[in-house]
């Protein structure tokens, strides 16, 4: 699989810029990505996986998990390599997130399963040389799905809230939970762009 190393490195660099908040990690990744394009074959693949691990371990919220997406490349081999890397990242990141609601956790599980099937298809087409990678990735997907499924089972259900009038999120948080400090989580679940004027109908955590 002759993936475009420059394109993969540029994608990883973009993810690192958006997701890696630790200054030392950011500098280290920038240096490693600069050097990675000079690597060949399995050496580049191993370094790309290691870099993706650092990026995925920096994901701490559902919104950050959404950013961890696999782009489309014009080159088929590059797209295939990105799918494997992206699936690896999703599997590392998802279990680390404290999913606030069942729908969020279930949506994460659906992404892992969908990307996982595509990634395993890519690896299986590589034949016997990729047997170890297939086993490793399939086990990683299985564990991630099990963990996120358990999180979904234990997460708080979503309810539909209809107020009839637009109110600030802090007021609604106090009315719903008795805690105005939960306003931001209310905004996140409702996906409201204007915390001071919430929609008159939205989804919220049950408790």
Protein backbone atom coordinates (compact mmCIF):
# COMPACT_ATOMS: atom_id res chain seq x y z
CA UNK A 1 0.00 0.00 0.00
CA UNK A 2 1.82 3.08 -1.27
CA UNK A 3 0.09 5.86 0.63
CA UNK A 4 1.01 9.49 0.11
CA UNK A 5 3.15 10.06 3.21
CA UNK A 6 3.02 13.82 2.84
CA UNK A 7 -0.78 13.84 2.73
CA UNK A 8 -1.05 11.57 5.77
CA UNK A 9 1.45 13.70 7.70
CA UNK A 10 -0.45 16.88 6.80
CA UNK A 11 -3.72 15.35 8.02
CA UNK A 12 -2.13 14.22 11.30
CA UNK A 13 -0.56 17.65 11.71
CA UNK A 14 -3.97 19.29 11.35
CA UNK A 15 -5.49 16.96 13.93
CA UNK A 16 -2.62 17.60 16.32
CA UNK A 17 -3.08 21.35 15.95
CA UNK A 18 -6.75 21.09 16.87
CA UNK A 19 -6.63 18.41 19.55
CA UNK A 20 -3.24 18.32 21.30
CA UNK A 21 -3.23 20.90 24.08
CA UNK A 22 -0.06 19.90 25.92
CA UNK A 23 2.72 22.22 24.71
CA UNK A 24 5.49 19.62 24.99
CA UNK A 25 3.45 17.01 23.12
CA UNK A 26 2.63 19.55 20.41
CA UNK A 27 6.29 20.42 19.84
CA UNK A 28 7.32 16.76 19.89
CA UNK A 29 4.65 15.82 17.35
CA UNK A 30 5.59 18.68 15.06
CA UNK A 31 9.19 17.45 15.00
CA UNK A 32 8.19 13.82 14.51
CA UNK A 33 5.78 14.67 11.70
CA UNK A 34 8.48 16.68 9.96
CA UNK A 35 10.80 13.68 10.06
CA UNK A 36 8.16 11.03 9.33
CA UNK A 37 7.84 11.69 5.61
CA UNK A 38 11.42 10.54 5.13
CA UNK A 39 10.55 7.11 6.50
CA UNK A 40 9.59 4.22 4.23
CA UNK A 41 6.98 1.47 4.38
CA UNK A 42 6.44 -0.10 7.77
CA UNK A 43 8.64 2.43 9.53
CA UNK A 44 6.35 5.25 8.40
CA UNK A 45 3.23 3.22 9.28
CA UNK A 46 4.53 2.52 12.79
CA UNK A 47 5.41 6.16 13.37
CA UNK A 48 2.02 7.33 12.04
CA UNK A 49 0.26 4.97 14.45
CA UNK A 50 2.37 6.23 17.35
CA UNK A 51 1.56 9.83 16.46
CA UNK A 52 -2.13 9.04 16.14
CA UNK A 53 -2.04 7.48 19.60
CA UNK A 54 -0.78 10.74 21.13
CA UNK A 55 -3.45 12.69 19.26
CA UNK A 56 -6.22 10.30 20.32
CA UNK A 57 -5.09 10.34 23.94
CA UNK A 58 -5.56 14.12 23.85
CA UNK A 59 -9.28 13.75 23.04
CA UNK A 60 -11.31 14.47 26.16
CA UNK A 61 -14.79 15.51 24.99
CA UNK A 62 -17.50 14.50 22.51
CA UNK A 63 -16.81 17.61 20.44
CA UNK A 64 -13.13 16.68 20.20
CA UNK A 65 -14.13 13.14 19.23
CA UNK A 66 -16.13 14.61 16.33
CA UNK A 67 -12.98 16.36 15.09
CA UNK A 68 -11.19 13.01 14.91
CA UNK A 69 -12.58 12.29 11.45
CA UNK A 70 -11.10 10.51 8.45
CA UNK A 71 -10.87 12.74 5.35
CA UNK A 72 -11.30 11.62 1.77
CA UNK A 73 -8.15 11.50 -0.33
CA UNK A 74 -8.10 11.24 -4.11
CA UNK A 75 -5.56 8.43 -3.90
CA UNK A 76 -7.16 5.10 -2.90
CA UNK A 77 -4.11 3.80 -1.01
CA UNK A 78 -3.89 7.02 1.01
CA UNK A 79 -7.60 6.84 1.85
CA UNK A 80 -7.16 3.22 2.94
CA UNK A 81 -4.21 4.05 5.18
CA UNK A 82 -6.12 6.98 6.69
CA UNK A 83 -9.07 4.70 7.46
CA UNK A 84 -6.83 2.34 9.42
CA UNK A 85 -5.19 5.23 11.29
CA UNK A 86 -8.52 6.93 11.94
CA UNK A 87 -10.10 3.75 13.29
CA UNK A 88 -7.12 3.24 15.58
CA UNK A 89 -7.57 6.81 16.84
CA UNK A 90 -11.29 6.40 17.46
CA UNK A 91 -10.70 3.19 19.42
CA UNK A 92 -8.10 4.85 21.63
CA UNK A 93 -10.09 8.05 22.16
CA UNK A 94 -13.65 6.84 22.73
CA UNK A 95 -13.16 4.89 25.98
CA UNK A 96 -11.36 7.89 27.53
CA UNK A 97 -14.37 10.21 27.18
CA UNK A 98 -16.98 10.63 29.91
CA UNK A 99 -20.00 10.43 27.62
CA UNK A 100 -22.73 12.63 29.10
CA UNK A 101 -25.65 10.82 27.53
CA UNK A 102 -26.66 7.48 26.07
CA UNK A 103 -27.19 8.87 22.56
CA UNK A 104 -23.67 10.34 22.53
CA UNK A 105 -22.10 7.04 23.59
CA UNK A 106 -24.21 5.06 21.14
CA UNK A 107 -23.28 7.39 18.29
CA UNK A 108 -19.60 6.91 19.18
CA UNK A 109 -20.07 3.14 19.12
CA UNK A 110 -21.69 3.35 15.68
CA UNK A 111 -18.71 5.35 14.37
CA UNK A 112 -16.24 2.82 15.76
CA UNK A 113 -18.11 -0.13 14.26
CA UNK A 114 -18.53 1.53 10.86
CA UNK A 115 -14.93 2.68 10.60
CA UNK A 116 -13.76 -0.62 12.05
CA UNK A 117 -15.46 -2.66 9.35
CA UNK A 118 -13.94 -0.46 6.65
CA UNK A 119 -10.46 -0.58 8.23
CA UNK A 120 -10.51 -4.36 8.65
CA UNK A 121 -11.55 -4.67 5.03
CA UNK A 122 -8.52 -2.61 4.04
CA UNK A 123 -6.16 -4.71 6.15
CA UNK A 124 -7.61 -8.02 4.96
CA UNK A 125 -6.92 -7.05 1.35
CA UNK A 126 -3.23 -6.74 2.22
CA UNK A 127 -3.08 -10.51 2.63
CA UNK A 128 -0.92 -12.62 4.91
CA UNK A 129 1.63 -9.89 5.52
CA UNK A 130 -0.97 -7.98 7.54
CA UNK A 131 -2.28 -10.82 9.69
CA UNK A 132 -0.81 -9.43 12.91
CA UNK A 133 -2.21 -5.97 12.19
CA UNK A 134 -5.63 -7.48 11.46
CA UNK A 135 -5.66 -9.36 14.76
CA UNK A 136 -4.47 -6.33 16.71
CA UNK A 137 -6.95 -3.93 15.12
CA UNK A 138 -9.91 -6.30 15.40
CA UNK A 139 -9.18 -6.85 19.10
CA UNK A 140 -8.80 -3.10 19.65
CA UNK A 141 -12.16 -2.46 17.97
CA UNK A 142 -13.81 -5.18 20.04
CA UNK A 143 -12.51 -3.74 23.32
CA UNK A 144 -13.47 -0.17 22.39
CA UNK A 145 -16.99 -1.23 21.44
CA UNK A 146 -17.40 -3.17 24.71
CA UNK A 147 -16.22 -0.22 26.82
CA UNK A 148 -18.36 2.35 25.03
CA UNK A 149 -21.37 0.01 25.16
CA UNK A 150 -20.99 -0.21 28.93
CA UNK A 151 -20.69 3.57 29.11
CA UNK A 152 -23.88 3.89 27.06
CA UNK A 153 -25.73 1.54 29.40
CA UNK A 154 -24.70 3.58 32.43
CA UNK A 155 -25.09 7.03 30.90
CA UNK A 156 -27.99 9.38 31.59
CA UNK A 157 -30.99 9.21 29.22
CA UNK A 158 -32.06 12.19 27.12
CA UNK A 159 -35.43 13.91 27.54
CA UNK A 160 -37.24 16.44 25.38
CA UNK A 161 -37.71 19.86 27.00
CA UNK A 162 -40.24 22.38 25.70
CA UNK A 163 -40.39 25.76 27.43
CA UNK A 164 -42.61 27.82 25.12
CA UNK A 165 -40.24 30.77 25.57
CA UNK A 166 -36.51 31.30 25.04
CA UNK A 167 -34.55 31.47 28.30
CA UNK A 168 -30.87 31.70 29.26
CA UNK A 169 -29.14 28.37 29.74
CA UNK A 170 -28.27 29.21 33.36
CA UNK A 171 -31.94 29.75 34.19
CA UNK A 172 -32.93 26.51 32.50
CA UNK A 173 -30.14 24.59 34.22
CA UNK A 174 -31.36 25.81 37.59
CA UNK A 175 -34.96 24.95 36.77
CA UNK A 176 -34.09 21.48 35.47
CA UNK A 177 -31.32 20.45 37.86
CA UNK A 178 -31.26 23.01 40.65
CA UNK A 179 -27.74 23.93 39.58
CA UNK A 180 -27.03 26.90 37.32
CA UNK A 181 -23.42 25.70 36.95
CA UNK A 182 -24.68 22.96 34.63
CA UNK A 183 -25.59 25.56 32.00
CA UNK A 184 -22.66 24.69 29.72
CA UNK A 185 -23.50 20.99 29.64
CA UNK A 186 -27.08 21.95 28.81
CA UNK A 187 -25.82 24.03 25.88
CA UNK A 188 -23.58 21.17 24.69
CA UNK A 189 -26.36 18.58 24.69
CA UNK A 190 -28.83 20.94 23.05
CA UNK A 191 -26.17 22.07 20.53
CA UNK A 192 -27.29 25.63 21.03
CA UNK A 193 -25.21 28.37 19.41
CA UNK A 194 -26.58 31.05 21.74
CA UNK A 195 -26.38 30.14 25.46
CA UNK A 196 -28.18 33.33 26.47
CA UNK A 197 -31.20 32.48 24.32
CA UNK A 198 -31.87 28.77 24.28
CA UNK A 199 -34.35 27.18 21.86
CA UNK A 200 -37.93 26.76 23.09
CA UNK A 201 -37.61 23.02 22.45
CA UNK A 202 -34.40 21.02 22.91
CA UNK A 203 -32.92 17.79 24.26
CA UNK A 204 -31.36 17.65 27.74
CA UNK A 205 -30.03 15.12 30.20
CA UNK A 206 -32.78 13.55 32.27
CA UNK A 207 -31.01 14.39 35.53
